[in-house]
Amino acid sequence: MTYIRFVPLLLCLLFCFDKSLSAQSAVAQDLLLREPKQTGEIYTVVEKQPTFPGGPSALQDYIRRNQIYPEAAKKANISGRVFVAFIVNTDGSIQNVELLKGIGMGCDEEAIRLVKRMPKWIPGKLDSKIVRVKYNLPIAFDLAN
């Protein structure tokens, strides 16, 4: 009979403890959601490199469909590769596009334009965690194509 008096107290304690855990969990989730995705270390070597949606062939198709060969480069018969570096963020967005090696005559600017207009990539991973990765990309300018 004395145990019956403690049942409501026990249920109240269990209910309050469960609510406390739920509140702590909600606060932790809220902090994770507010954490900026574009901060943190930038890696150059990772387990899984970032990839263009659809893979390397889709990347080549994107470049072929969207590349505009500069008129000055056509007239000067300029061809070659432009090397561009950029950061693929944890959400797949691209930032900090920079020219590593150019060929001039408008090709450098065109390569940067192509990269800035790319859709979001599939981000890279290190230790099964999504991380920011610096990626180098050669873009070919060939008058024969």
Foldseek 3Di string as FASTA:
>chain_A
DVVVVCVVVVVVVVVVVVVVVVVVVVVVVVVVVPPDQQDDDAAADAPFAWAAVVGDVVVVVLCVVQQDQAPQCVVVVDWDKWKWKWKQTLQQATDDIDTDDDRDPCPNVRVSVSNNPGDGINATDHPNDGGMYMDMDIDTDHPVD
